[in-house]
Protein backbone atom coordinates (compact mmCIF):
# COMPACT_ATOMS: atom_id res chain seq x y z
CA MET A 1 -34.56 68.63 -34.38
CA ALA A 2 -37.32 71.15 -35.44
CA LYS A 3 -37.53 74.39 -34.34
CA SER A 4 -40.60 77.08 -34.77
CA PHE A 5 -40.50 80.92 -35.23
CA HIS A 6 -43.45 83.14 -34.37
CA LEU A 7 -43.84 86.46 -36.07
CA LYS A 8 -46.95 88.14 -35.62
CA ILE A 9 -47.95 90.36 -38.87
CA LYS A 10 -49.87 93.55 -39.50
CA GLN A 11 -51.69 92.54 -42.64
CA SER A 12 -53.91 89.71 -43.17
CA PRO A 13 -52.31 86.33 -44.72
CA ASP A 14 -54.80 86.71 -47.62
CA SER A 15 -53.33 90.18 -48.55
CA ILE A 16 -49.48 89.39 -48.40
CA PHE A 17 -49.44 85.85 -49.67
CA ALA A 18 -48.66 86.28 -53.24
CA LYS A 19 -46.24 88.69 -52.42
CA VAL A 20 -44.43 86.48 -49.87
CA GLN A 21 -44.77 83.51 -52.44
CA GLN A 22 -43.17 85.47 -54.95
CA GLU A 23 -40.09 86.85 -52.84
CA ALA A 24 -39.64 83.27 -51.89
CA LYS A 25 -39.34 82.12 -55.39
CA ASN A 26 -37.12 85.26 -55.93
CA GLN A 27 -34.50 84.08 -53.46
CA GLY A 28 -34.84 80.37 -54.75
CA TYR A 29 -37.10 78.74 -52.45
CA MET A 30 -40.38 76.84 -53.09
CA LEU A 31 -43.55 77.89 -50.97
CA SER A 32 -46.50 75.55 -51.73
CA GLY A 33 -49.71 75.99 -49.95
CA ASP A 34 -52.08 78.77 -49.40
CA ALA A 35 -52.43 81.67 -46.91
CA SER A 36 -53.40 79.43 -44.05
CA LYS A 37 -50.92 76.79 -44.12
CA GLY A 38 -48.16 75.15 -46.63
CA ALA A 39 -44.70 74.06 -46.92
CA ILE A 40 -41.18 75.71 -47.55
CA SER A 41 -38.18 73.97 -49.32
CA GLY A 42 -35.02 75.56 -50.54
CA SER A 43 -31.08 75.62 -49.71
CA GLY A 44 -31.14 72.56 -47.61
CA ILE A 45 -34.12 74.01 -45.64
CA ARG A 46 -37.43 71.96 -45.67
CA GLY A 47 -40.32 73.53 -43.26
CA SER A 48 -43.85 74.18 -42.77
CA TYR A 49 -46.04 77.22 -41.79
CA ILE A 50 -49.53 78.30 -40.74
CA PHE A 51 -51.29 81.74 -40.44
CA ASN A 52 -53.47 81.65 -37.20
CA SER A 53 -56.49 83.29 -36.54
CA HIS A 54 -54.49 85.76 -34.54
CA ASN A 55 -52.53 87.21 -37.74
CA GLU A 56 -49.62 85.28 -36.44
CA LEU A 57 -47.28 83.24 -38.59
CA ILE A 58 -45.84 80.21 -36.92
CA LEU A 59 -42.97 78.99 -39.27
CA THR A 60 -41.44 75.42 -38.31
CA ILE A 61 -38.07 74.41 -39.58
CA HIS A 62 -37.96 70.18 -39.98
CA ASP A 63 -34.83 70.12 -41.49
CA LYS A 64 -31.63 72.35 -42.12
CA PRO A 65 -28.03 72.29 -43.26
CA VAL A 66 -25.65 71.66 -40.01
CA LEU A 67 -23.67 74.35 -40.66
CA LEU A 68 -26.61 76.93 -40.96
CA SER A 69 -27.14 78.73 -37.54
CA TRP A 70 -30.81 79.18 -36.58
CA THR A 71 -30.48 82.65 -36.51
CA THR A 72 -29.55 82.96 -40.09
CA ILE A 73 -32.68 80.97 -40.98
CA GLU A 74 -34.95 82.85 -39.04
CA LYS A 75 -33.57 86.24 -40.77
CA LYS A 76 -33.63 84.70 -44.24
CA LEU A 77 -37.10 83.06 -44.05
CA LEU A 78 -38.96 86.04 -42.33
CA SER A 79 -37.17 88.52 -44.84
CA PHE A 80 -39.78 87.23 -46.98
CA LEU A 81 -42.60 89.33 -45.14
CA VAL A 82 -40.58 92.67 -45.22
CA GLU A 83 -42.11 95.11 -47.52
């Protein structure tokens, strides 16, 4: 069962994408794509993301470990955006 998270961001996706990509890598996740859309995977999680024209990140998780809660996933993946 897929689940989507929506997060309004203060900066443009272009200005933060390299930082987010590096932070994901540092934490053992692979982020492929660009500042508009792509995929994320790692730790048993597989998902996709899109930055829309309203500076909103829409992150959709397609697969996750059964014992990992949605709240934990949301906190972990959205932590990549924290400065």
